Amino acid sequence: MKKGGLIAAVLIVALLADFGLAASGWIQNSGYFRLNDFEVTQQDHPEEVWDRVIFGSSELVSAYREDLTQADYVNLGMDYGTLRDLVEMLEGGYINVGSELVLALNWGVMYDNMDTNPTYAWHRKWYQPYTYFQRDRLQPFVMETFNALMGNGEFRTSNTEQQKIFYYGNMTQAELDERRERLHGLYFNGGMELYADNLAAMEEIYDFCAENGIRVRALWLPENPLVELEPLDVELREQCRAVSEAAGVTFYDMTDALEADCFYDTGHLDYDYGAVVFTEVLDQWLLS
């Protein structure tokens, strides 16, 4: 075989192997890799169509208790999730919403330069091999397996029942003040331009829902009353309200809905108590 033919054959085999790995779902189903929050949601809800969905960032993860709700929404809370991510999921066919979609809004889900989880599937470019896209997962696994074979470590164990991250307890006032100061420097150092793309994404989501017969509503998540609100946070909330109302979308303001003992920090709820209260309060609105 000529050199050119050998190279072509190797490339074809590599491409087939790459396609096979992607199609197999082994990374997501084997239990050997940490799942991202979207994959955990898929693990918990393998059905092809999610009839009713509530989407938000990590604050929603530890707030809406699927095990307690009477409204029966899929909690699509995701670490670092933004509305732009939701647009990618809807338009890219990564999720199929049946009848209802609720947006759980806060500054995090609206921040344009929010860090992200690079393993979210919609971040993969069309030209990227699957093994390259999953390199941050595969490389440590290969090295650990090699070391285990050499007797220098243990093989990974499989965990096929992974959960998202929840929050427990309550920060002290000093810890809350420190966190607010840190968040201010990271996410509120500017004006409304910090949220421009996700405000545009909100309108795109409303248009998508209108075109596909999906009932869409929005809510602003509760904030800890022990922490002074950022003026820009308030301005953002009111802009989200204005965009929603202009589109004929119901906007439920839950800013002051919960007492301080419900909160772990400035916005995440204590899973054992705050999330229970939140779910009870939210259910009344979801079922309306």
C-alpha atoms as a PDB file:
ATOM      1  CA  MET A   1       0.000   0.000   0.000  1.00  0.00           C
ATOM      2  CA  LYS A   2       1.316   3.416  -0.949  1.00  0.00           C
ATOM      3  CA  LYS A   3       2.092   5.908   1.801  1.00  0.00           C
ATOM      4  CA  GLY A   4      -0.798   8.167   0.786  1.00  0.00           C
ATOM      5  CA  GLY A   5      -3.230   5.256   0.856  1.00  0.00           C
ATOM      6  CA  LEU A   6      -2.020   4.176   4.290  1.00  0.00           C
ATOM      7  CA  ILE A   7      -2.508   7.665   5.702  1.00  0.00           C
ATOM      8  CA  ALA A   8      -5.995   7.820   4.199  1.00  0.00           C
ATOM      9  CA  ALA A   9      -6.871   4.441   5.688  1.00  0.00           C
ATOM     10  CA  VAL A  10      -5.639   5.492   9.120  1.00  0.00           C
ATOM     11  CA  LEU A  11      -7.660   8.707   8.922  1.00  0.00           C
ATOM     12  CA  ILE A  12     -10.794   6.791   7.949  1.00  0.00           C
ATOM     13  CA  VAL A  13     -10.357   4.355  10.834  1.00  0.00           C
ATOM     14  CA  ALA A  14      -9.757   7.258  13.253  1.00  0.00           C
ATOM     15  CA  LEU A  15     -12.855   9.074  12.004  1.00  0.00           C
ATOM     16  CA  LEU A  16     -14.983   5.942  12.315  1.00  0.00           C
ATOM     17  CA  ALA A  17     -13.678   5.312  15.821  1.00  0.00           C
ATOM     18  CA  ASP A  18     -14.372   8.940  16.762  1.00  0.00           C
ATOM     19  CA  PHE A  19     -17.902   8.719  15.348  1.00  0.00           C
ATOM     20  CA  GLY A  20     -18.491   5.436  17.115  1.00  0.00           C
ATOM     21  CA  LEU A  21     -17.430   6.841  20.480  1.00  0.00           C
ATOM     22  CA  ALA A  22     -19.738   9.816  20.041  1.00  0.00           C
ATOM     23  CA  ALA A  23     -22.688   7.679  18.946  1.00  0.00           C
ATOM     24  CA  SER A  24     -22.237   5.145  21.739  1.00  0.00           C
ATOM     25  CA  GLY A  25     -22.844   7.592  24.576  1.00  0.00           C
ATOM     26  CA  TRP A  26     -20.182   5.719  26.554  1.00  0.00           C
ATOM     27  CA  ILE A  27     -18.784   8.813  28.241  1.00  0.00           C
ATOM     28  CA  GLN A  28     -22.242   9.783  29.507  1.00  0.00           C
ATOM     29  CA  ASN A  29     -23.468   6.266  30.351  1.00  0.00           C
ATOM     30  CA  SER A  30     -20.431   4.404  31.683  1.00  0.00           C
ATOM     31  CA  GLY A  31     -20.296   6.186  35.029  1.00  0.00           C
ATOM     32  CA  TYR A  32     -16.539   6.692  34.729  1.00  0.00           C
ATOM     33  CA  PHE A  33     -16.804  10.415  34.041  1.00  0.00           C
ATOM     34  CA  ARG A  34     -18.291  13.324  35.970  1.00  0.00           C
ATOM     35  CA  LEU A  35     -21.479  14.362  34.203  1.00  0.00           C
ATOM     36  CA  ASN A  36     -22.293  18.002  33.628  1.00  0.00           C
ATOM     37  CA  ASP A  37     -25.637  19.308  34.861  1.00  0.00           C
ATOM     38  CA  PHE A  38     -27.318  18.924  31.485  1.00  0.00           C
ATOM     39  CA  GLU A  39     -26.240  15.290  31.309  1.00  0.00           C
ATOM     40  CA  VAL A  40     -27.469  14.675  34.867  1.00  0.00           C
ATOM     41  CA  THR A  41     -30.856  16.073  33.823  1.00  0.00           C
ATOM     42  CA  GLN A  42     -30.871  13.703  30.846  1.00  0.00           C
ATOM     43  CA  GLN A  43     -29.929  10.832  33.148  1.00  0.00           C
ATOM     44  CA  ASP A  44     -32.887  11.635  35.418  1.00  0.00           C
ATOM     45  CA  HIS A  45     -35.259  12.307  32.500  1.00  0.00           C
ATOM     46  CA  PRO A  46     -34.441   9.961  29.603  1.00  0.00           C
ATOM     47  CA  GLU A  47     -37.748  10.660  27.861  1.00  0.00           C
ATOM     48  CA  GLU A  48     -37.484  12.239  24.414  1.00  0.00           C
ATOM     49  CA  VAL A  49     -39.856  15.132  25.157  1.00  0.00           C
ATOM     50  CA  TRP A  50     -39.895  17.081  28.414  1.00  0.00           C
ATOM     51  CA  ASP A  51     -43.449  18.351  28.673  1.00  0.00           C
ATOM     52  CA  ARG A  52     -42.814  21.113  31.231  1.00  0.00           C
ATOM     53  CA  VAL A  53     -39.409  22.610  31.909  1.00  0.00           C
ATOM     54  CA  ILE A  54     -38.030  25.248  34.264  1.00  0.00           C
ATOM     55  CA  PHE A  55     -34.602  26.562  33.242  1.00  0.00           C
ATOM     56  CA  GLY A  56     -32.034  28.487  35.240  1.00  0.00           C
ATOM     57  CA  SER A  57     -28.504  28.572  36.626  1.00  0.00           C
ATOM     58  CA  SER A  58     -27.043  26.931  39.735  1.00  0.00           C
ATOM     59  CA  GLU A  59     -29.413  28.887  41.990  1.00  0.00           C
ATOM     60  CA  LEU A  60     -32.312  26.933  40.502  1.00  0.00           C
ATOM     61  CA  VAL A  61     -30.506  23.599  40.965  1.00  0.00           C
ATOM     62  CA  SER A  62     -30.626  23.923  44.744  1.00  0.00           C
ATOM     63  CA  ALA A  63     -34.050  25.608  44.848  1.00  0.00           C
ATOM     64  CA  TYR A  64     -36.674  23.618  42.938  1.00  0.00           C
ATOM     65  CA  ARG A  65     -37.247  20.199  44.500  1.00  0.00           C
ATOM     66  CA  GLU A  66     -38.536  17.760  41.889  1.00  0.00           C
ATOM     67  CA  ASP A  67     -39.111  15.202  44.634  1.00  0.00           C
ATOM     68  CA  LEU A  68     -41.559  17.527  46.424  1.00  0.00           C
ATOM     69  CA  THR A  69     -43.247  19.552  43.686  1.00  0.00           C
ATOM     70  CA  GLN A  70     -46.835  19.034  42.656  1.00  0.00           C
ATOM     71  CA  ALA A  71     -46.289  20.913  39.381  1.00  0.00           C
ATOM     72  CA  ASP A  72     -44.048  18.256  37.788  1.00  0.00           C
ATOM     73  CA  TYR A  73     -41.560  20.416  35.914  1.00  0.00           C
ATOM     74  CA  VAL A  74     -38.143  19.183  34.822  1.00  0.00           C
ATOM     75  CA  ASN A  75     -35.532  21.145  36.777  1.00  0.00           C
ATOM     76  CA  LEU A  76     -33.112  22.182  34.039  1.00  0.00           C
ATOM     77  CA  GLY A  77     -30.958  24.160  36.437  1.00  0.00           C
ATOM     78  CA  MET A  78     -27.357  24.128  35.222  1.00  0.00           C
ATOM     79  CA  ASP A  79     -24.089  25.314  36.681  1.00  0.00           C
ATOM     80  CA  TYR A  80     -23.067  28.376  34.652  1.00  0.00           C
ATOM     81  CA  GLY A  81     -26.257  28.089  32.575  1.00  0.00           C
ATOM     82  CA  THR A  82     -27.310  31.222  30.663  1.00  0.00           C
ATOM     83  CA  LEU A  83     -30.215  32.101  28.381  1.00  0.00           C
ATOM     84  CA  ARG A  84     -27.846  31.896  25.423  1.00  0.00           C
ATOM     85  CA  ASP A  85     -27.241  28.256  26.368  1.00  0.00           C
ATOM     86  CA  LEU A  86     -30.987  27.705  26.343  1.00  0.00           C
ATOM     87  CA  VAL A  87     -31.275  29.181  22.846  1.00  0.00           C
ATOM     88  CA  GLU A  88     -28.586  26.739  21.676  1.00  0.00           C
ATOM     89  CA  MET A  89     -30.438  23.831  23.287  1.00  0.00           C
ATOM     90  CA  LEU A  90     -33.816  24.756  21.826  1.00  0.00           C
ATOM     91  CA  GLU A  91     -32.679  25.628  18.313  1.00  0.00           C
ATOM     92  CA  GLY A  92     -30.109  22.828  18.176  1.00  0.00           C
ATOM     93  CA  GLY A  93     -32.613  20.164  19.193  1.00  0.00           C
ATOM     94  CA  TYR A  94     -30.757  19.230  22.371  1.00  0.00           C
ATOM     95  CA  ILE A  95     -34.075  19.452  24.243  1.00  0.00           C
ATOM     96  CA  ASN A  96     -37.683  19.133  23.134  1.00  0.00           C
ATOM     97  CA  VAL A  97     -40.156  21.051  25.289  1.00  0.00           C
ATOM     98  CA  GLY A  98     -43.716  19.816  25.082  1.00  0.00           C
ATOM     99  CA  SER A  99     -46.102  22.424  26.442  1.00  0.00           C
ATOM    100  CA  GLU A 100     -44.557  24.804  29.010  1.00  0.00           C
ATOM    101  CA  LEU A 101     -41.258  26.585  29.673  1.00  0.00           C
ATOM    102  CA  VAL A 102     -40.423  28.743  32.687  1.00  0.00           C
ATOM    103  CA  LEU A 103     -37.334  30.956  32.847  1.00  0.00           C
ATOM    104  CA  ALA A 104     -35.882  31.274  36.362  1.00  0.00           C
ATOM    105  CA  LEU A 105     -33.962  34.518  36.016  1.00  0.00           C
ATOM    106  CA  ASN A 106     -31.214  36.176  38.016  1.00  0.00           C
ATOM    107  CA  TRP A 107     -28.028  38.073  37.254  1.00  0.00           C
ATOM    108  CA  GLY A 108     -26.106  34.823  36.746  1.00  0.00           C
ATOM    109  CA  VAL A 109     -28.289  33.449  33.985  1.00  0.00           C
ATOM    110  CA  MET A 110     -28.140  36.862  32.286  1.00  0.00           C
ATOM    111  CA  TYR A 111     -24.393  37.591  32.497  1.00  0.00           C
ATOM    112  CA  ASP A 112     -22.838  37.491  29.018  1.00  0.00           C
ATOM    113  CA  ASN A 113     -19.278  36.593  30.041  1.00  0.00           C
ATOM    114  CA  MET A 114     -20.228  33.907  32.537  1.00  0.00           C
ATOM    115  CA  ASP A 115     -17.802  31.010  32.806  1.00  0.00           C
ATOM    116  CA  THR A 116     -19.186  27.841  31.275  1.00  0.00           C
ATOM    117  CA  ASN A 117     -18.775  24.093  31.412  1.00  0.00           C
ATOM    118  CA  PRO A 118     -16.808  23.257  28.238  1.00  0.00           C
ATOM    119  CA  THR A 119     -18.386  19.779  28.075  1.00  0.00           C
ATOM    120  CA  TYR A 120     -21.877  21.109  27.302  1.00  0.00           C
ATOM    121  CA  ALA A 121     -22.574  19.480  23.942  1.00  0.00           C
ATOM    122  CA  TRP A 122     -23.619  22.641  22.091  1.00  0.00           C
ATOM    123  CA  HIS A 123     -20.128  24.116  22.637  1.00  0.00           C
ATOM    124  CA  ARG A 124     -18.642  21.587  20.234  1.00  0.00           C
ATOM    125  CA  LYS A 125     -17.686  23.150  16.910  1.00  0.00           C
ATOM    126  CA  TRP A 126     -18.797  21.337  13.767  1.00  0.00           C
ATOM    127  CA  TYR A 127     -15.187  20.671  12.766  1.00  0.00           C
ATOM    128  CA  GLN A 128     -14.002  19.290  16.123  1.00  0.00           C
ATOM    129  CA  PRO A 129     -13.447  15.531  16.481  1.00  0.00           C
ATOM    130  CA  TYR A 130     -15.431  14.156  19.406  1.00  0.00           C
ATOM    131  CA  THR A 131     -12.313  12.844  21.157  1.00  0.00           C
ATOM    132  CA  TYR A 132     -10.773  16.326  20.980  1.00  0.00           C
ATOM    133  CA  PHE A 133     -13.933  17.936  22.337  1.00  0.00           C
ATOM    134  CA  GLN A 134     -13.912  15.460  25.245  1.00  0.00           C
ATOM    135  CA  ARG A 135     -10.157  15.695  25.810  1.00  0.00           C
ATOM    136  CA  ASP A 136     -10.460  17.141  29.332  1.00  0.00           C
ATOM    137  CA  ARG A 137     -12.395  14.039  30.350  1.00  0.00           C
ATOM    138  CA  LEU A 138     -10.581  11.403  28.316  1.00  0.00           C
ATOM    139  CA  GLN A 139      -6.974  12.346  29.012  1.00  0.00           C
ATOM    140  CA  PRO A 140      -7.118  11.900  32.824  1.00  0.00           C
ATOM    141  CA  PHE A 141      -9.074   8.670  32.395  1.00  0.00           C
ATOM    142  CA  VAL A 142      -6.506   7.233  29.981  1.00  0.00           C
ATOM    143  CA  MET A 143      -3.635   8.219  32.269  1.00  0.00           C
ATOM    144  CA  GLU A 144      -5.316   6.788  35.377  1.00  0.00           C
ATOM    145  CA  THR A 145      -6.086   3.548  33.555  1.00  0.00           C
ATOM    146  CA  PHE A 146      -2.499   3.268  32.277  1.00  0.00           C
ATOM    147  CA  ASN A 147      -1.097   3.899  35.774  1.00  0.00           C
ATOM    148  CA  ALA A 148      -3.450   1.297  37.226  1.00  0.00           C
ATOM    149  CA  LEU A 149      -2.290  -1.245  34.652  1.00  0.00           C
ATOM    150  CA  MET A 150       1.303  -0.457  35.681  1.00  0.00           C
ATOM    151  CA  GLY A 151       0.415  -1.031  39.324  1.00  0.00           C
ATOM    152  CA  ASN A 152       0.718   2.641  40.261  1.00  0.00           C
ATOM    153  CA  GLY A 153      -2.889   3.334  41.164  1.00  0.00           C
ATOM    154  CA  GLU A 154      -6.421   2.049  41.144  1.00  0.00           C
ATOM    155  CA  PHE A 155      -8.932   1.768  38.343  1.00  0.00           C
ATOM    156  CA  ARG A 156     -11.815   4.208  38.389  1.00  0.00           C
ATOM    157  CA  THR A 157     -15.083   2.910  39.743  1.00  0.00           C
ATOM    158  CA  SER A 158     -18.350   3.489  37.936  1.00  0.00           C
ATOM    159  CA  ASN A 159     -20.987   5.834  39.359  1.00  0.00           C
ATOM    160  CA  THR A 160     -24.139   5.788  37.259  1.00  0.00           C
ATOM    161  CA  GLU A 161     -26.343   7.722  39.723  1.00  0.00           C
ATOM    162  CA  GLN A 162     -24.750  11.147  39.839  1.00  0.00           C
ATOM    163  CA  GLN A 163     -26.420  14.259  41.219  1.00  0.00           C
ATOM    164  CA  LYS A 164     -26.079  17.978  40.740  1.00  0.00           C
ATOM    165  CA  ILE A 165     -24.494  20.098  43.482  1.00  0.00           C
ATOM    166  CA  PHE A 166     -26.785  21.241  46.299  1.00  0.00           C
ATOM    167  CA  TYR A 167     -26.127  23.713  49.104  1.00  0.00           C
ATOM    168  CA  TYR A 168     -26.667  23.189  52.818  1.00  0.00           C
ATOM    169  CA  GLY A 169     -26.722  25.504  55.824  1.00  0.00           C
ATOM    170  CA  ASN A 170     -26.479  29.297  56.116  1.00  0.00           C
ATOM    171  CA  MET A 171     -23.552  31.639  55.730  1.00  0.00           C
ATOM    172  CA  THR A 172     -22.792  34.080  58.514  1.00  0.00           C
ATOM    173  CA  GLN A 173     -23.332  37.805  57.945  1.00  0.00           C
ATOM    174  CA  ALA A 174     -19.580  38.280  57.604  1.00  0.00           C
ATOM    175  CA  GLU A 175     -19.417  35.552  54.967  1.00  0.00           C
ATOM    176  CA  LEU A 176     -22.362  37.057  53.115  1.00  0.00           C
ATOM    177  CA  ASP A 177     -20.751  40.505  53.098  1.00  0.00           C
ATOM    178  CA  GLU A 178     -17.506  39.039  51.798  1.00  0.00           C
ATOM    179  CA  ARG A 179     -19.325  37.143  49.064  1.00  0.00           C
ATOM    180  CA  ARG A 180     -21.265  40.230  47.975  1.00  0.00           C
ATOM    181  CA  GLU A 181     -18.032  42.205  47.701  1.00  0.00           C
ATOM    182  CA  ARG A 182     -16.435  39.461  45.612  1.00  0.00           C
ATOM    183  CA  LEU A 183     -19.467  39.128  43.324  1.00  0.00           C
ATOM    184  CA  HIS A 184     -19.569  42.895  42.866  1.00  0.00           C
ATOM    185  CA  GLY A 185     -16.047  42.935  41.499  1.00  0.00           C
ATOM    186  CA  LEU A 186     -16.631  39.962  39.228  1.00  0.00           C
ATOM    187  CA  TYR A 187     -20.108  40.531  37.796  1.00  0.00           C
ATOM    188  CA  PHE A 188     -21.389  44.065  38.456  1.00  0.00           C
ATOM    189  CA  ASN A 189     -18.457  46.209  37.373  1.00  0.00           C
ATOM    190  CA  GLY A 190     -20.155  47.976  34.485  1.00  0.00           C
ATOM    191  CA  GLY A 191     -23.616  48.703  33.121  1.00  0.00           C
ATOM    192  CA  MET A 192     -26.399  46.940  31.241  1.00  0.00           C
ATOM    193  CA  GLU A 193     -23.984  46.129  28.430  1.00  0.00           C
ATOM    194  CA  LEU A 194     -22.871  43.209  30.613  1.00  0.00           C
ATOM    195  CA  TYR A 195     -26.182  41.475  29.857  1.00  0.00           C
ATOM    196  CA  ALA A 196     -26.928  42.596  26.287  1.00  0.00           C
ATOM    197  CA  ASP A 197     -26.556  39.215  24.571  1.00  0.00           C
ATOM    198  CA  ASN A 198     -28.663  37.339  27.102  1.00  0.00           C
ATOM    199  CA  LEU A 199     -31.360  40.005  26.939  1.00  0.00           C
ATOM    200  CA  ALA A 200     -31.393  39.406  23.184  1.00  0.00           C
ATOM    201  CA  ALA A 201     -31.498  35.648  23.871  1.00  0.00           C
ATOM    202  CA  MET A 202     -34.567  36.183  26.043  1.00  0.00           C
ATOM    203  CA  GLU A 203     -36.420  37.686  23.089  1.00  0.00           C
ATOM    204  CA  GLU A 204     -35.265  34.809  20.876  1.00  0.00           C
ATOM    205  CA  ILE A 205     -36.638  32.318  23.398  1.00  0.00           C
ATOM    206  CA  TYR A 206     -39.975  34.108  23.518  1.00  0.00           C
ATOM    207  CA  ASP A 207     -40.131  34.078  19.714  1.00  0.00           C
ATOM    208  CA  PHE A 208     -39.238  30.372  19.619  1.00  0.00           C
ATOM    209  CA  CYS A 209     -41.970  29.521  22.100  1.00  0.00           C
ATOM    210  CA  ALA A 210     -44.553  31.578  20.210  1.00  0.00           C
ATOM    211  CA  GLU A 211     -43.649  29.846  16.947  1.00  0.00           C
ATOM    212  CA  ASN A 212     -43.791  26.368  18.521  1.00  0.00           C
ATOM    213  CA  GLY A 213     -46.917  26.710  20.640  1.00  0.00           C
ATOM    214  CA  ILE A 214     -45.083  26.566  23.982  1.00  0.00           C
ATOM    215  CA  ARG A 215     -46.469  28.503  26.935  1.00  0.00           C
ATOM    216  CA  VAL A 216     -43.589  30.514  28.399  1.00  0.00           C
ATOM    217  CA  ARG A 217     -43.392  32.414  31.679  1.00  0.00           C
ATOM    218  CA  ALA A 218     -40.578  34.084  33.606  1.00  0.00           C
ATOM    219  CA  LEU A 219     -39.741  34.583  37.252  1.00  0.00           C
ATOM    220  CA  TRP A 220     -37.033  36.478  39.100  1.00  0.00           C
ATOM    221  CA  LEU A 221     -35.459  34.251  41.737  1.00  0.00           C
ATOM    222  CA  PRO A 222     -35.479  35.225  45.436  1.00  0.00           C
ATOM    223  CA  GLU A 223     -32.552  37.149  46.921  1.00  0.00           C
ATOM    224  CA  ASN A 224     -31.255  37.040  50.475  1.00  0.00           C
ATOM    225  CA  PRO A 225     -32.778  39.940  52.477  1.00  0.00           C
ATOM    226  CA  LEU A 226     -29.601  40.133  54.615  1.00  0.00           C
ATOM    227  CA  VAL A 227     -27.629  41.266  51.561  1.00  0.00           C
ATOM    228  CA  GLU A 228     -28.009  44.729  50.061  1.00  0.00           C
ATOM    229  CA  LEU A 229     -29.158  44.493  46.455  1.00  0.00           C
ATOM    230  CA  GLU A 230     -26.790  45.669  43.758  1.00  0.00           C
ATOM    231  CA  PRO A 231     -28.342  48.671  41.925  1.00  0.00           C
ATOM    232  CA  LEU A 232     -27.366  47.060  38.616  1.00  0.00           C
ATOM    233  CA  ASP A 233     -29.087  43.839  39.703  1.00  0.00           C
ATOM    234  CA  VAL A 234     -32.312  45.777  40.277  1.00  0.00           C
ATOM    235  CA  GLU A 235     -31.955  47.537  36.913  1.00  0.00           C
ATOM    236  CA  LEU A 236     -31.443  44.179  35.212  1.00  0.00           C
ATOM    237  CA  ARG A 237     -34.517  42.713  36.906  1.00  0.00           C
ATOM    238  CA  GLU A 238     -36.650  45.595  35.698  1.00  0.00           C
ATOM    239  CA  GLN A 239     -35.280  45.278  32.171  1.00  0.00           C
ATOM    240  CA  CYS A 240     -36.153  41.571  32.189  1.00  0.00           C
ATOM    241  CA  ARG A 241     -39.629  42.482  33.379  1.00  0.00           C
ATOM    242  CA  ALA A 242     -39.984  45.042  30.577  1.00  0.00           C
ATOM    243  CA  VAL A 243     -38.823  42.605  27.871  1.00  0.00           C
ATOM    244  CA  SER A 244     -41.184  39.936  29.192  1.00  0.00           C
ATOM    245  CA  GLU A 245     -44.199  42.194  29.418  1.00  0.00           C
ATOM    246  CA  ALA A 246     -43.524  43.607  25.947  1.00  0.00           C
ATOM    247  CA  ALA A 247     -43.699  40.035  24.635  1.00  0.00           C
ATOM    248  CA  GLY A 248     -46.885  39.325  26.581  1.00  0.00           C
ATOM    249  CA  VAL A 249     -45.029  36.975  28.939  1.00  0.00           C
ATOM    250  CA  THR A 250     -46.046  36.765  32.601  1.00  0.00           C
ATOM    251  CA  PHE A 251     -43.258  37.911  34.949  1.00  0.00           C
ATOM    252  CA  TYR A 252     -43.303  36.763  38.581  1.00  0.00           C
ATOM    253  CA  ASP A 253     -41.050  38.810  40.880  1.00  0.00           C
ATOM    254  CA  MET A 254     -39.909  36.618  43.802  1.00  0.00           C
ATOM    255  CA  THR A 255     -37.115  38.958  44.979  1.00  0.00           C
ATOM    256  CA  ASP A 256     -38.554  39.297  48.507  1.00  0.00           C
ATOM    257  CA  ALA A 257     -40.479  36.016  48.632  1.00  0.00           C
ATOM    258  CA  LEU A 258     -38.317  34.172  51.197  1.00  0.00           C
ATOM    259  CA  GLU A 259     -36.864  34.837  54.655  1.00  0.00           C
ATOM    260  CA  ALA A 260     -33.125  34.880  55.302  1.00  0.00           C
ATOM    261  CA  ASP A 261     -33.043  31.454  56.937  1.00  0.00           C
ATOM    262  CA  CYS A 262     -33.963  29.930  53.567  1.00  0.00           C
ATOM    263  CA  PHE A 263     -30.637  30.964  52.027  1.00  0.00           C
ATOM    264  CA  TYR A 264     -27.237  29.328  51.977  1.00  0.00           C
ATOM    265  CA  ASP A 265     -25.585  32.455  50.552  1.00  0.00           C
ATOM    266  CA  THR A 266     -26.693  35.517  48.596  1.00  0.00           C
ATOM    267  CA  GLY A 267     -28.849  33.564  46.151  1.00  0.00           C
ATOM    268  CA  HIS A 268     -28.437  29.785  46.558  1.00  0.00           C
ATOM    269  CA  LEU A 269     -31.014  28.211  48.850  1.00  0.00           C
ATOM    270  CA  ASP A 270     -30.400  25.728  51.636  1.00  0.00           C
ATOM    271  CA  TYR A 271     -31.557  22.450  50.105  1.00  0.00           C
ATOM    272  CA  ASP A 272     -33.074  20.999  53.269  1.00  0.00           C
ATOM    273  CA  TYR A 273     -35.227  23.989  54.211  1.00  0.00           C
ATOM    274  CA  GLY A 274     -35.092  26.883  51.755  1.00  0.00           C
ATOM    275  CA  ALA A 275     -35.718  24.697  48.725  1.00  0.00           C
ATOM    276  CA  VAL A 276     -38.736  23.120  50.432  1.00  0.00           C
ATOM    277  CA  VAL A 277     -40.269  26.543  51.109  1.00  0.00           C
ATOM    278  CA  PHE A 278     -39.413  27.803  47.625  1.00  0.00           C
ATOM    279  CA  THR A 279     -40.991  24.784  45.956  1.00  0.00           C
ATOM    280  CA  GLU A 280     -44.186  25.176  47.964  1.00  0.00           C
ATOM    281  CA  VAL A 281     -44.450  28.882  47.085  1.00  0.00           C
ATOM    282  CA  LEU A 282     -43.522  28.412  43.448  1.00  0.00           C
ATOM    283  CA  ASP A 283     -45.939  25.521  42.952  1.00  0.00           C
ATOM    284  CA  GLN A 284     -48.885  27.819  43.620  1.00  0.00           C
ATOM    285  CA  TRP A 285     -47.811  29.999  40.702  1.00  0.00           C
ATOM    286  CA  LEU A 286     -46.745  27.163  38.413  1.00  0.00           C
ATOM    287  CA  LEU A 287     -50.132  25.497  38.795  1.00  0.00           C
ATOM    288  CA  SER A 288     -52.042  28.722  38.082  1.00  0.00           C
END
